[in-house]
C-alpha atoms as a PDB file:
ATOM      1  CA  MET A   1     127.503  67.823  77.635  1.00  0.00           C
ATOM      2  CA  GLN A   2     130.140  68.261  80.491  1.00  0.00           C
ATOM      3  CA  LEU A   3     130.454  71.756  80.284  1.00  0.00           C
ATOM      4  CA  GLY A   4     126.163  71.621  80.914  1.00  0.00           C
ATOM      5  CA  ARG A   5     126.414  69.445  83.604  1.00  0.00           C
ATOM      6  CA  ALA A   6     129.129  71.818  85.328  1.00  0.00           C
ATOM      7  CA  ARG A   7     127.040  74.770  85.114  1.00  0.00           C
ATOM      8  CA  LEU A   8     124.125  72.669  86.496  1.00  0.00           C
ATOM      9  CA  TRP A   9     126.493  71.599  89.269  1.00  0.00           C
ATOM     10  CA  ILE A  10     127.469  75.502  89.908  1.00  0.00           C
ATOM     11  CA  ALA A  11     123.835  76.565  89.642  1.00  0.00           C
ATOM     12  CA  ALA A  12     122.527  73.810  92.522  1.00  0.00           C
ATOM     13  CA  ILE A  13     125.629  74.860  94.557  1.00  0.00           C
ATOM     14  CA  LEU A  14     124.943  78.450  94.551  1.00  0.00           C
ATOM     15  CA  LEU A  15     120.651  77.563  94.943  1.00  0.00           C
ATOM     16  CA  THR A  16     122.074  75.942  97.928  1.00  0.00           C
ATOM     17  CA  THR A  17     124.418  78.691  99.506  1.00  0.00           C
ATOM     18  CA  THR A  18     121.299  80.936  99.000  1.00  0.00           C
ATOM     19  CA  LEU A  19     118.903  79.607 100.722  1.00  0.00           C
ATOM     20  CA  THR A  20     121.235  78.536 103.236  1.00  0.00           C
ATOM     21  CA  SER A  21     122.489  82.070 103.942  1.00  0.00           C
ATOM     22  CA  TRP A  22     118.305  83.145 103.879  1.00  0.00           C
ATOM     23  CA  CYS A  23     117.385  80.408 106.758  1.00  0.00           C
ATOM     24  CA  GLN A  24     120.830  81.710 108.488  1.00  0.00           C
ATOM     25  CA  ASP A  25     119.964  85.443 108.451  1.00  0.00           C
ATOM     26  CA  LYS A  26     116.113  84.710 109.630  1.00  0.00           C
ATOM     27  CA  HIS A  27     116.018  87.736 112.159  1.00  0.00           C
ATOM     28  CA  LYS A  28     115.079  86.997 115.389  1.00  0.00           C
ATOM     29  CA  ILE A  29     112.000  88.950 116.884  1.00  0.00           C
ATOM     30  CA  ILE A  30     109.691  89.024 120.598  1.00  0.00           C
ATOM     31  CA  ILE A  31     106.499  90.815 119.944  1.00  0.00           C
ATOM     32  CA  ASP A  32     105.165  92.317 122.904  1.00  0.00           C
ATOM     33  CA  GLN A  33     101.563  93.616 121.932  1.00  0.00           C
ATOM     34  CA  ASP A  34      98.663  94.470 123.821  1.00  0.00           C
ATOM     35  CA  ALA A  35      97.097  91.930 121.393  1.00  0.00           C
ATOM     36  CA  ALA A  36      93.095  93.050 121.301  1.00  0.00           C
ATOM     37  CA  GLY A  37      91.282  90.774 118.568  1.00  0.00           C
ATOM     38  CA  PRO A  38      89.648  89.364 116.638  1.00  0.00           C
ATOM     39  CA  ALA A  39      92.009  91.196 113.871  1.00  0.00           C
ATOM     40  CA  GLY A  40      92.355  94.598 113.710  1.00  0.00           C
ATOM     41  CA  THR A  41      95.947  96.629 114.210  1.00  0.00           C
ATOM     42  CA  ASP A  42      97.421  94.611 117.138  1.00  0.00           C
ATOM     43  CA  GLN A  43      96.610  90.855 115.620  1.00  0.00           C
ATOM     44  CA  GLN A  44      97.358  92.278 112.004  1.00  0.00           C
ATOM     45  CA  ALA A  45     100.378  93.474 112.781  1.00  0.00           C
ATOM     46  CA  ILE A  46     101.511  90.254 114.802  1.00  0.00           C
ATOM     47  CA  LEU A  47     100.471  88.219 111.646  1.00  0.00           C
ATOM     48  CA  LEU A  48     102.559  90.481 109.290  1.00  0.00           C
ATOM     49  CA  LEU A  49     105.746  89.666 111.308  1.00  0.00           C
ATOM     50  CA  ILE A  50     104.806  86.216 111.063  1.00  0.00           C
ATOM     51  CA  GLN A  51     104.137  85.760 107.592  1.00  0.00           C
ATOM     52  CA  SER A  52     107.515  87.445 106.452  1.00  0.00           C
ATOM     53  CA  PRO A  53     110.062  84.816 105.304  1.00  0.00           C
ATOM     54  CA  GLN A  54     112.632  87.009 107.058  1.00  0.00           C
ATOM     55  CA  THR A  55     111.773  86.331 110.358  1.00  0.00           C
ATOM     56  CA  GLU A  56     112.045  84.066 112.985  1.00  0.00           C
ATOM     57  CA  VAL A  57     109.280  84.911 115.916  1.00  0.00           C
ATOM     58  CA  LEU A  58     110.340  83.645 119.221  1.00  0.00           C
ATOM     59  CA  GLY A  59     107.615  84.728 120.991  1.00  0.00           C
ATOM     60  CA  ILE A  60     104.697  86.654 121.580  1.00  0.00           C
ATOM     61  CA  THR A  61     104.753  88.519 124.915  1.00  0.00           C
ATOM     62  CA  VAL A  62     101.354  90.328 125.935  1.00  0.00           C
ATOM     63  CA  VAL A  63     100.080  93.228 128.241  1.00  0.00           C
ATOM     64  CA  THR A  64      97.062  95.012 128.832  1.00  0.00           C
ATOM     65  CA  GLY A  65      96.301  97.687 127.006  1.00  0.00           C
ATOM     66  CA  ASP A  66      93.789  97.829 124.018  1.00  0.00           C
ATOM     67  CA  GLN A  67      91.802  95.058 125.694  1.00  0.00           C
ATOM     68  CA  TRP A  68      92.601  92.947 129.111  1.00  0.00           C
ATOM     69  CA  LEU A  69      95.338  90.565 129.391  1.00  0.00           C
ATOM     70  CA  THR A  70      93.360  87.610 129.853  1.00  0.00           C
ATOM     71  CA  GLU A  71      91.409  88.144 126.458  1.00  0.00           C
ATOM     72  CA  GLU A  72      94.159  89.395 124.412  1.00  0.00           C
ATOM     73  CA  VAL A  73      96.196  85.902 125.201  1.00  0.00           C
ATOM     74  CA  ALA A  74      92.692  84.195 124.165  1.00  0.00           C
ATOM     75  CA  HIS A  75      92.510  86.260 120.957  1.00  0.00           C
ATOM     76  CA  THR A  76      96.083  85.598 119.866  1.00  0.00           C
ATOM     77  CA  LEU A  77      96.113  81.711 120.962  1.00  0.00           C
ATOM     78  CA  ARG A  78      93.016  81.538 118.570  1.00  0.00           C
ATOM     79  CA  MET A  79      94.420  83.434 115.901  1.00  0.00           C
ATOM     80  CA  LEU A  80      97.248  81.140 115.740  1.00  0.00           C
ATOM     81  CA  GLU A  81      95.059  78.228 115.716  1.00  0.00           C
ATOM     82  CA  LEU A  82      93.663  79.426 112.946  1.00  0.00           C
ATOM     83  CA  VAL A  83      96.307  80.300 110.841  1.00  0.00           C
ATOM     84  CA  GLY A  84      98.514  77.138 111.770  1.00  0.00           C
ATOM     85  CA  ARG A  85     101.392  78.947 114.014  1.00  0.00           C
ATOM     86  CA  THR A  86     100.756  77.218 117.566  1.00  0.00           C
ATOM     87  CA  ASP A  87     104.295  76.657 117.576  1.00  0.00           C
ATOM     88  CA  ILE A  88     104.671  79.814 118.716  1.00  0.00           C
ATOM     89  CA  PRO A  89     104.705  80.358 122.490  1.00  0.00           C
ATOM     90  CA  VAL A  90     102.274  83.298 123.696  1.00  0.00           C
ATOM     91  CA  VAL A  91     103.085  84.459 126.908  1.00  0.00           C
ATOM     92  CA  PRO A  92     101.327  86.540 129.323  1.00  0.00           C
ATOM     93  CA  GLY A  93     102.778  89.417 131.002  1.00  0.00           C
ATOM     94  CA  ALA A  94     101.578  92.580 133.312  1.00  0.00           C
ATOM     95  CA  GLU A  95      97.712  93.147 134.075  1.00  0.00           C
ATOM     96  CA  TYR A  96      97.922  96.430 135.054  1.00  0.00           C
ATOM     97  CA  PRO A  97     100.152  99.182 134.609  1.00  0.00           C
ATOM     98  CA  LEU A  98     103.200 100.067 137.330  1.00  0.00           C
ATOM     99  CA  VAL A  99     101.299 102.998 138.712  1.00  0.00           C
ATOM    100  CA  ARG A 100      98.619 104.359 136.706  1.00  0.00           C
ATOM    101  CA  THR A 101      95.068 102.838 137.983  1.00  0.00           C
ATOM    102  CA  LYS A 102      91.450 103.191 136.695  1.00  0.00           C
ATOM    103  CA  GLN A 103      90.086 105.182 139.384  1.00  0.00           C
ATOM    104  CA  GLY A 104      93.041 107.260 139.515  1.00  0.00           C
ATOM    105  CA  THR A 105      92.338 108.208 136.047  1.00  0.00           C
ATOM    106  CA  GLU A 106      88.564 108.883 136.211  1.00  0.00           C
ATOM    107  CA  GLN A 107      89.461 111.600 138.793  1.00  0.00           C
ATOM    108  CA  TRP A 108      92.216 113.170 136.356  1.00  0.00           C
ATOM    109  CA  GLU A 109      89.379 113.419 133.594  1.00  0.00           C
ATOM    110  CA  GLN A 110      87.401 115.085 136.532  1.00  0.00           C
ATOM    111  CA  ARG A 111      89.885 117.585 136.582  1.00  0.00           C
ATOM    112  CA  PHE A 112      91.524 118.031 132.954  1.00  0.00           C
ATOM    113  CA  GLY A 113      88.804 116.209 130.423  1.00  0.00           C
ATOM    114  CA  SER A 114      87.736 113.302 128.814  1.00  0.00           C
ATOM    115  CA  VAL A 115      90.336 110.897 127.207  1.00  0.00           C
ATOM    116  CA  ALA A 116      88.939 109.777 123.716  1.00  0.00           C
ATOM    117  CA  TRP A 117      90.567 106.043 124.645  1.00  0.00           C
ATOM    118  CA  LEU A 118      90.875 104.322 127.716  1.00  0.00           C
ATOM    119  CA  GLY A 119      91.713 100.969 126.204  1.00  0.00           C
ATOM    120  CA  ALA A 120      90.736  97.840 128.571  1.00  0.00           C
ATOM    121  CA  TRP A 121      89.130 100.983 130.897  1.00  0.00           C
ATOM    122  CA  THR A 122      86.572 102.236 127.799  1.00  0.00           C
ATOM    123  CA  PRO A 123      83.280 102.748 129.105  1.00  0.00           C
ATOM    124  CA  ARG A 124      81.204 101.314 126.614  1.00  0.00           C
ATOM    125  CA  SER A 125      83.355  98.007 126.572  1.00  0.00           C
ATOM    126  CA  TYR A 126      84.138  97.859 130.039  1.00  0.00           C
ATOM    127  CA  HIS A 127      84.428  94.187 131.919  1.00  0.00           C
ATOM    128  CA  ALA A 128      86.084  92.589 134.612  1.00  0.00           C
ATOM    129  CA  PRO A 129      89.417  91.907 133.994  1.00  0.00           C
ATOM    130  CA  ASP A 130      89.014  88.023 134.281  1.00  0.00           C
ATOM    131  CA  GLN A 131      86.120  87.597 131.749  1.00  0.00           C
ATOM    132  CA  LEU A 132      87.097  86.829 127.797  1.00  0.00           C
ATOM    133  CA  GLY A 133      84.549  89.361 126.175  1.00  0.00           C
ATOM    134  CA  GLU A 134      83.202  88.908 123.198  1.00  0.00           C
ATOM    135  CA  MET A 135      85.161  85.705 121.410  1.00  0.00           C
ATOM    136  CA  PRO A 136      83.594  85.640 117.622  1.00  0.00           C
ATOM    137  CA  GLU A 137      86.363  83.435 116.218  1.00  0.00           C
ATOM    138  CA  GLY A 138      85.703  81.224 119.170  1.00  0.00           C
ATOM    139  CA  LYS A 139      87.620  79.815 122.219  1.00  0.00           C
ATOM    140  CA  PRO A 140      91.093  78.496 121.868  1.00  0.00           C
ATOM    141  CA  THR A 141      91.987  74.913 122.619  1.00  0.00           C
ATOM    142  CA  THR A 142      95.142  75.634 123.147  1.00  0.00           C
ATOM    143  CA  LYS A 143      97.277  76.915 126.715  1.00  0.00           C
ATOM    144  CA  PRO A 144      99.414  80.117 127.179  1.00  0.00           C
ATOM    145  CA  SER A 145     103.002  79.389 128.580  1.00  0.00           C
ATOM    146  CA  GLU A 146     103.401  78.776 132.004  1.00  0.00           C
ATOM    147  CA  GLU A 147     106.248  81.247 131.919  1.00  0.00           C
ATOM    148  CA  ASP A 148     105.748  85.442 132.644  1.00  0.00           C
ATOM    149  CA  ALA A 149     106.545  87.835 129.883  1.00  0.00           C
ATOM    150  CA  ALA A 150     109.399  89.617 131.666  1.00  0.00           C
ATOM    151  CA  HIS A 151     111.656  86.420 132.699  1.00  0.00           C
ATOM    152  CA  PHE A 152     110.751  85.018 129.048  1.00  0.00           C
ATOM    153  CA  LEU A 153     112.064  88.222 127.329  1.00  0.00           C
ATOM    154  CA  VAL A 154     115.140  87.913 129.631  1.00  0.00           C
ATOM    155  CA  ARG A 155     115.630  84.499 129.183  1.00  0.00           C
ATOM    156  CA  MET A 156     115.671  84.836 125.224  1.00  0.00           C
ATOM    157  CA  VAL A 157     118.419  88.138 125.109  1.00  0.00           C
ATOM    158  CA  HIS A 158     121.264  85.901 127.091  1.00  0.00           C
ATOM    159  CA  LYS A 159     120.252  82.891 124.909  1.00  0.00           C
ATOM    160  CA  TYR A 160     120.582  85.299 121.996  1.00  0.00           C
ATOM    161  CA  PRO A 161     122.745  88.053 122.783  1.00  0.00           C
ATOM    162  CA  HIS A 162     122.787  91.339 120.551  1.00  0.00           C
ATOM    163  CA  GLN A 163     120.264  88.958 118.442  1.00  0.00           C
ATOM    164  CA  VAL A 164     116.914  89.742 119.323  1.00  0.00           C
ATOM    165  CA  THR A 165     114.542  92.994 117.981  1.00  0.00           C
ATOM    166  CA  ILE A 166     111.947  93.576 120.801  1.00  0.00           C
ATOM    167  CA  TYR A 167     108.728  94.788 118.851  1.00  0.00           C
ATOM    168  CA  GLU A 168     106.762  97.080 121.048  1.00  0.00           C
ATOM    169  CA  GLY A 169     102.978  97.429 119.469  1.00  0.00           C
ATOM    170  CA  GLY A 170     101.202  98.279 123.294  1.00  0.00           C
ATOM    171  CA  PRO A 171     102.058  99.843 127.021  1.00  0.00           C
ATOM    172  CA  MET A 172     105.632  99.297 127.782  1.00  0.00           C
ATOM    173  CA  THR A 173     104.972  97.754 131.272  1.00  0.00           C
ATOM    174  CA  ASN A 174     106.498  93.968 130.229  1.00  0.00           C
ATOM    175  CA  LEU A 175     109.721  95.978 129.069  1.00  0.00           C
ATOM    176  CA  ALA A 176     110.147  97.902 132.211  1.00  0.00           C
ATOM    177  CA  VAL A 177     109.578  94.745 134.244  1.00  0.00           C
ATOM    178  CA  ALA A 178     112.085  93.161 132.389  1.00  0.00           C
ATOM    179  CA  ILE A 179     114.469  95.948 132.580  1.00  0.00           C
ATOM    180  CA  SER A 180     113.999  96.032 136.796  1.00  0.00           C
ATOM    181  CA  ILE A 181     115.005  92.033 136.978  1.00  0.00           C
ATOM    182  CA  ASP A 182     117.570  92.546 134.572  1.00  0.00           C
ATOM    183  CA  PRO A 183     119.327  96.174 133.867  1.00  0.00           C
ATOM    184  CA  GLU A 184     121.213  94.241 131.359  1.00  0.00           C
ATOM    185  CA  PHE A 185     118.249  93.424 129.109  1.00  0.00           C
ATOM    186  CA  ALA A 186     117.895  96.359 126.912  1.00  0.00           C
ATOM    187  CA  ALA A 187     121.768  96.638 126.202  1.00  0.00           C
ATOM    188  CA  LEU A 188     121.546  92.660 125.665  1.00  0.00           C
ATOM    189  CA  ALA A 189     118.392  92.998 123.027  1.00  0.00           C
ATOM    190  CA  LYS A 190     119.921  94.022 118.961  1.00  0.00           C
ATOM    191  CA  GLU A 191     117.053  96.820 119.209  1.00  0.00           C
ATOM    192  CA  LEU A 192     113.797  98.289 120.209  1.00  0.00           C
ATOM    193  CA  VAL A 193     110.817  98.899 117.449  1.00  0.00           C
ATOM    194  CA  PHE A 194     107.787 100.385 118.919  1.00  0.00           C
ATOM    195  CA  MET A 195     104.733 102.349 117.960  1.00  0.00           C
ATOM    196  CA  GLY A 196     104.152 105.177 120.214  1.00  0.00           C
ATOM    197  CA  ALA A 197     104.246 108.580 121.277  1.00  0.00           C
ATOM    198  CA  SER A 198     102.488 111.789 119.227  1.00  0.00           C
ATOM    199  CA  LEU A 199     104.363 114.797 118.559  1.00  0.00           C
ATOM    200  CA  ASN A 200     102.399 117.265 116.330  1.00  0.00           C
ATOM    201  CA  PRO A 201     100.015 115.205 113.882  1.00  0.00           C
ATOM    202  CA  ARG A 202      98.130 117.049 111.382  1.00  0.00           C
ATOM    203  CA  THR A 203      95.066 115.802 111.603  1.00  0.00           C
ATOM    204  CA  ASP A 204      91.332 116.982 112.011  1.00  0.00           C
ATOM    205  CA  ASP A 205      91.002 113.780 114.526  1.00  0.00           C
ATOM    206  CA  PRO A 206      90.110 115.358 117.678  1.00  0.00           C
ATOM    207  CA  GLU A 207      91.883 112.777 119.810  1.00  0.00           C
ATOM    208  CA  PHE A 208      95.005 114.354 118.586  1.00  0.00           C
ATOM    209  CA  ALA A 209      94.034 117.545 117.675  1.00  0.00           C
ATOM    210  CA  ASN A 210      92.854 118.460 121.058  1.00  0.00           C
ATOM    211  CA  ALA A 211      96.103 116.443 122.459  1.00  0.00           C
ATOM    212  CA  PRO A 212      99.055 116.531 120.055  1.00  0.00           C
ATOM    213  CA  ARG A 213     101.353 115.060 122.834  1.00  0.00           C
ATOM    214  CA  HIS A 214      98.515 112.122 123.990  1.00  0.00           C
ATOM    215  CA  GLU A 215      99.134 109.038 122.679  1.00  0.00           C
ATOM    216  CA  PHE A 216      97.460 105.693 124.304  1.00  0.00           C
ATOM    217  CA  ASN A 217     100.419 103.376 124.250  1.00  0.00           C
ATOM    218  CA  LEU A 218     102.946 105.731 126.176  1.00  0.00           C
ATOM    219  CA  TRP A 219     100.044 107.665 128.387  1.00  0.00           C
ATOM    220  CA  PHE A 220      98.377 104.264 129.615  1.00  0.00           C
ATOM    221  CA  ASP A 221     101.765 103.068 131.452  1.00  0.00           C
ATOM    222  CA  PRO A 222     103.622 106.287 131.909  1.00  0.00           C
ATOM    223  CA  GLU A 223     105.878 105.077 134.594  1.00  0.00           C
ATOM    224  CA  ALA A 224     106.738 102.254 132.359  1.00  0.00           C
ATOM    225  CA  ALA A 225     107.848 104.418 129.196  1.00  0.00           C
ATOM    226  CA  HIS A 226     110.173 105.965 131.269  1.00  0.00           C
ATOM    227  CA  ILE A 227     111.858 103.073 132.437  1.00  0.00           C
ATOM    228  CA  VAL A 228     112.357 101.645 128.417  1.00  0.00           C
ATOM    229  CA  LEU A 229     112.974 105.215 126.874  1.00  0.00           C
ATOM    230  CA  ARG A 230     116.005 105.865 129.641  1.00  0.00           C
ATOM    231  CA  ALA A 231     117.525 102.204 128.902  1.00  0.00           C
ATOM    232  CA  PRO A 232     120.663 101.768 127.109  1.00  0.00           C
ATOM    233  CA  TRP A 233     118.877  99.909 123.726  1.00  0.00           C
ATOM    234  CA  LYS A 234     121.616  99.728 121.120  1.00  0.00           C
ATOM    235  CA  LYS A 235     118.809 101.160 118.696  1.00  0.00           C
ATOM    236  CA  MET A 236     115.569 102.481 118.992  1.00  0.00           C
ATOM    237  CA  VAL A 237     112.803 103.150 116.180  1.00  0.00           C
ATOM    238  CA  CYS A 238     109.376 104.571 116.716  1.00  0.00           C
ATOM    239  CA  THR A 239     106.454 104.644 114.641  1.00  0.00           C
ATOM    240  CA  THR A 240     104.329 107.698 115.830  1.00  0.00           C
ATOM    241  CA  VAL A 241     101.001 109.076 115.875  1.00  0.00           C
ATOM    242  CA  ASP A 242     101.883 111.982 113.117  1.00  0.00           C
ATOM    243  CA  ILE A 243     103.483 108.872 110.441  1.00  0.00           C
ATOM    244  CA  SER A 244     100.484 106.662 111.667  1.00  0.00           C
ATOM    245  CA  VAL A 245      97.972 108.831 110.728  1.00  0.00           C
ATOM    246  CA  LYS A 246      99.060 109.354 107.064  1.00  0.00           C
ATOM    247  CA  THR A 247      97.688 105.629 106.793  1.00  0.00           C
ATOM    248  CA  ARG A 248      93.954 103.937 106.625  1.00  0.00           C
ATOM    249  CA  MET A 249      92.701 100.355 106.523  1.00  0.00           C
ATOM    250  CA  THR A 250      89.791 100.468 104.467  1.00  0.00           C
ATOM    251  CA  ASN A 251      87.199  98.437 102.606  1.00  0.00           C
ATOM    252  CA  GLU A 252      89.142  98.094  99.346  1.00  0.00           C
ATOM    253  CA  LEU A 253      92.218  96.656 101.018  1.00  0.00           C
ATOM    254  CA  ILE A 254      89.827  94.371 103.229  1.00  0.00           C
ATOM    255  CA  ASN A 255      88.270  93.303  99.885  1.00  0.00           C
ATOM    256  CA  ARG A 256      91.811  92.724  98.233  1.00  0.00           C
ATOM    257  CA  ILE A 257      92.728  90.485 101.274  1.00  0.00           C
ATOM    258  CA  LYS A 258      89.756  88.456 101.509  1.00  0.00           C
ATOM    259  CA  ALA A 259      90.010  87.266  97.544  1.00  0.00           C
ATOM    260  CA  ALA A 260      92.549  85.175  98.264  1.00  0.00           C
ATOM    261  CA  ASP A 261      92.178  81.948 100.096  1.00  0.00           C
ATOM    262  CA  SER A 262      95.078  81.305 102.636  1.00  0.00           C
ATOM    263  CA  PRO A 263      94.289  81.071 106.213  1.00  0.00           C
ATOM    264  CA  VAL A 264      95.556  84.365 107.307  1.00  0.00           C
ATOM    265  CA  ALA A 265      93.663  85.906 104.312  1.00  0.00           C
ATOM    266  CA  ARG A 266      90.268  84.041 105.516  1.00  0.00           C
ATOM    267  CA  TYR A 267      90.699  85.044 109.007  1.00  0.00           C
ATOM    268  CA  ILE A 268      91.259  88.873 108.161  1.00  0.00           C
ATOM    269  CA  GLY A 269      88.053  88.749 105.748  1.00  0.00           C
ATOM    270  CA  LYS A 270      85.814  87.112 108.203  1.00  0.00           C
ATOM    271  CA  TYR A 271      86.926  89.519 111.386  1.00  0.00           C
ATOM    272  CA  ALA A 272      88.766  92.619 109.885  1.00  0.00           C
ATOM    273  CA  ARG A 273      86.056  96.006 110.378  1.00  0.00           C
ATOM    274  CA  LEU A 274      86.242  99.186 110.338  1.00  0.00           C
ATOM    275  CA  ARG A 275      85.349 100.727 113.019  1.00  0.00           C
ATOM    276  CA  GLY A 276      84.494 104.616 113.242  1.00  0.00           C
ATOM    277  CA  GLU A 277      85.686 107.263 110.778  1.00  0.00           C
ATOM    278  CA  TYR A 278      89.673 106.714 111.713  1.00  0.00           C
ATOM    279  CA  ASN A 279      90.719 103.548 110.571  1.00  0.00           C
ATOM    280  CA  TYR A 280      94.860 103.831 110.854  1.00  0.00           C
ATOM    281  CA  LEU A 281      97.354 101.116 110.403  1.00  0.00           C
ATOM    282  CA  TRP A 282      99.236 101.995 113.793  1.00  0.00           C
ATOM    283  CA  ASP A 283     101.156  98.598 114.829  1.00  0.00           C
ATOM    284  CA  GLU A 284     100.857  97.449 110.850  1.00  0.00           C
ATOM    285  CA  LEU A 285     103.302 100.273 109.757  1.00  0.00           C
ATOM    286  CA  THR A 286     105.514  99.396 112.550  1.00  0.00           C
ATOM    287  CA  SER A 287     105.886  95.967 111.489  1.00  0.00           C
ATOM    288  CA  ALA A 288     106.090  96.901 107.564  1.00  0.00           C
ATOM    289  CA  ALA A 289     108.878  99.479 108.164  1.00  0.00           C
ATOM    290  CA  TRP A 290     111.309  97.132 110.433  1.00  0.00           C
ATOM    291  CA  LEU A 291     110.546  94.203 107.901  1.00  0.00           C
ATOM    292  CA  ASP A 292     111.128  96.842 104.938  1.00  0.00           C
ATOM    293  CA  PRO A 293     112.713 100.355 106.194  1.00  0.00           C
ATOM    294  CA  SER A 294     112.432 101.688 102.570  1.00  0.00           C
ATOM    295  CA  LEU A 295     108.942 102.089 103.013  1.00  0.00           C
ATOM    296  CA  ILE A 296     110.238 105.461 105.303  1.00  0.00           C
ATOM    297  CA  THR A 297     111.224 108.017 103.093  1.00  0.00           C
ATOM    298  CA  LYS A 298     111.940 110.357 106.101  1.00  0.00           C
ATOM    299  CA  LYS A 299     112.856 110.043 109.295  1.00  0.00           C
ATOM    300  CA  GLU A 300     114.650 112.105 111.772  1.00  0.00           C
ATOM    301  CA  THR A 301     116.426 111.636 115.338  1.00  0.00           C
ATOM    302  CA  ARG A 302     115.116 112.958 118.612  1.00  0.00           C
ATOM    303  CA  TYR A 303     115.341 111.912 122.401  1.00  0.00           C
ATOM    304  CA  MET A 304     112.670 111.151 124.260  1.00  0.00           C
ATOM    305  CA  ASP A 305     110.389 110.688 127.112  1.00  0.00           C
ATOM    306  CA  VAL A 306     107.205 110.977 128.974  1.00  0.00           C
ATOM    307  CA  ASN A 307     105.910 113.629 131.613  1.00  0.00           C
ATOM    308  CA  LEU A 308     105.337 111.752 135.137  1.00  0.00           C
ATOM    309  CA  ASP A 309     104.202 114.942 136.085  1.00  0.00           C
ATOM    310  CA  ARG A 310     100.592 114.654 137.841  1.00  0.00           C
ATOM    311  CA  GLY A 311      99.195 117.520 135.977  1.00  0.00           C
ATOM    312  CA  ALA A 312      97.090 118.172 132.580  1.00  0.00           C
ATOM    313  CA  GLY A 313     100.079 116.174 130.512  1.00  0.00           C
ATOM    314  CA  TYR A 314     100.667 113.339 132.499  1.00  0.00           C
ATOM    315  CA  GLY A 315     101.860 110.822 130.256  1.00  0.00           C
ATOM    316  CA  ASP A 316     102.504 112.759 127.437  1.00  0.00           C
ATOM    317  CA  THR A 317     105.190 112.782 124.926  1.00  0.00           C
ATOM    318  CA  LEU A 318     108.483 114.746 125.995  1.00  0.00           C
ATOM    319  CA  THR A 319     110.855 115.177 122.783  1.00  0.00           C
ATOM    320  CA  TRP A 320     113.834 117.232 122.488  1.00  0.00           C
ATOM    321  CA  SER A 321     116.920 117.819 119.673  1.00  0.00           C
ATOM    322  CA  ASP A 322     120.342 117.278 120.253  1.00  0.00           C
ATOM    323  CA  ARG A 323     121.089 120.847 121.331  1.00  0.00           C
ATOM    324  CA  ASP A 324     118.345 121.067 123.775  1.00  0.00           C
ATOM    325  CA  LYS A 325     118.336 118.080 125.577  1.00  0.00           C
ATOM    326  CA  PRO A 326     118.591 117.169 129.178  1.00  0.00           C
ATOM    327  CA  LYS A 327     122.017 116.558 130.441  1.00  0.00           C
ATOM    328  CA  ARG A 328     121.592 112.893 131.960  1.00  0.00           C
ATOM    329  CA  ASP A 329     119.737 109.740 130.763  1.00  0.00           C
ATOM    330  CA  VAL A 330     117.711 110.411 127.477  1.00  0.00           C
ATOM    331  CA  GLN A 331     118.765 108.387 124.844  1.00  0.00           C
ATOM    332  CA  PRO A 332     118.280 108.631 120.719  1.00  0.00           C
ATOM    333  CA  VAL A 333     114.979 107.503 119.191  1.00  0.00           C
ATOM    334  CA  GLU A 334     114.988 107.164 115.532  1.00  0.00           C
ATOM    335  CA  ILE A 335     111.307 108.588 114.280  1.00  0.00           C
ATOM    336  CA  GLN A 336     109.586 107.962 111.246  1.00  0.00           C
ATOM    337  CA  VAL A 337     108.475 111.146 109.495  1.00  0.00           C
ATOM    338  CA  ASP A 338     106.860 110.082 106.287  1.00  0.00           C
ATOM    339  CA  LEU A 339     106.256 106.902 103.791  1.00  0.00           C
ATOM    340  CA  ASP A 340     105.583 105.554 100.346  1.00  0.00           C
ATOM    341  CA  THR A 341     102.093 104.830 101.025  1.00  0.00           C
ATOM    342  CA  GLU A 342     101.229 102.673  98.144  1.00  0.00           C
ATOM    343  CA  LYS A 343     104.382 100.951  98.755  1.00  0.00           C
ATOM    344  CA  PHE A 344     103.337  99.679 102.414  1.00  0.00           C
ATOM    345  CA  TYR A 345      99.467  99.029 101.083  1.00  0.00           C
ATOM    346  CA  THR A 346     101.503  96.605  98.654  1.00  0.00           C
ATOM    347  CA  MET A 347     103.073  95.251 101.225  1.00  0.00           C
ATOM    348  CA  LEU A 348     100.497  94.551 103.731  1.00  0.00           C
ATOM    349  CA  VAL A 349      98.179  92.849 101.025  1.00  0.00           C
ATOM    350  CA  GLU A 350     101.143  90.419  99.888  1.00  0.00           C
ATOM    351  CA  LEU A 351     101.930  89.558 102.955  1.00  0.00           C
ATOM    352  CA  LEU A 352      98.269  89.040 104.609  1.00  0.00           C
ATOM    353  CA  ILE A 353      97.348  86.900 101.146  1.00  0.00           C
ATOM    354  CA  GLY A 354     100.373  84.785 101.524  1.00  0.00           C
ATOM    355  CA  PRO A 355     100.601  81.023 102.769  1.00  0.00           C
ATOM    356  CA  THR A 356     101.469  80.708 106.149  1.00  0.00           C
ATOM    357  CA  PRO A 357     105.511  79.937 106.807  1.00  0.00           C
ATOM    358  CA  LYS A 358     105.652  77.069 108.949  1.00  0.00           C
ATOM    359  CA  LYS A 359     108.707  77.008 111.668  1.00  0.00           C
END
């Protein structure tokens, strides 16, 4: 009897130690996102990070990209209401790129040809920046933070030096402003993981087949991307177009999520839609691969920047190997090349159908 009680006592201690360690080991992350919604790659990527018991989401900073800042903030607030995570602050950031303008882009297109995706500037869905557009999920009742994204980012890395991962799912404007405010920002972060860049994707998608170095997140604010990519991050990890186009959101995946009855599954089941022929899991892959690096089966290191010449290649991705890189400033980036697709899909579904973790 005494031996049995001793074993139970030891087991209880080990369990308590494990749980304590697990809680202490939660990875701090700030999600910087052009948070178009409802559902879609931007919101679903946010949800994967929120749903993981491994993470402590310090905040969601928002930047104009796929939609305007105002509506992205509203979609994010409403999503957090629907899944029961209104404790996570939503912090508005940059409404416009540092230099690029809608008018200048239209003039560029007249010279060099049309661009498939212009984000908030896309003619078929364009509206004024201060309008919400469609909100099928309903308008939020909660309010965003009164702090701006750049100052929030700077404040968090000073509060938790070398502990905060910066996740970037959209244009890099907020990060560039943070670096301009505090040149120590990048060095104080733990790492930068981002969806962006395009090298030589194997695809028949005309958006990339015709322009293999064009990728929206870097292209929409090239000057911001240039500032961020040359900053002294301890580590940068990149999910490119090249690996993203190996993934697809399908009706079968949506139905697997829809079959569950958790708050997140209900949100995805109601608002996720396939749009056109290509439905890549861009930002979801960035989130999932950060949570479980074993999803990535091949990677390589390149040095990366963005073309700032105002010609036909303005905003295109530039990369070099170690032997041919420029002599100064460029930083190494870990580029994901291939993945275990089925393992990724399984992880995606399991996280999105699970119960919503509480803070």
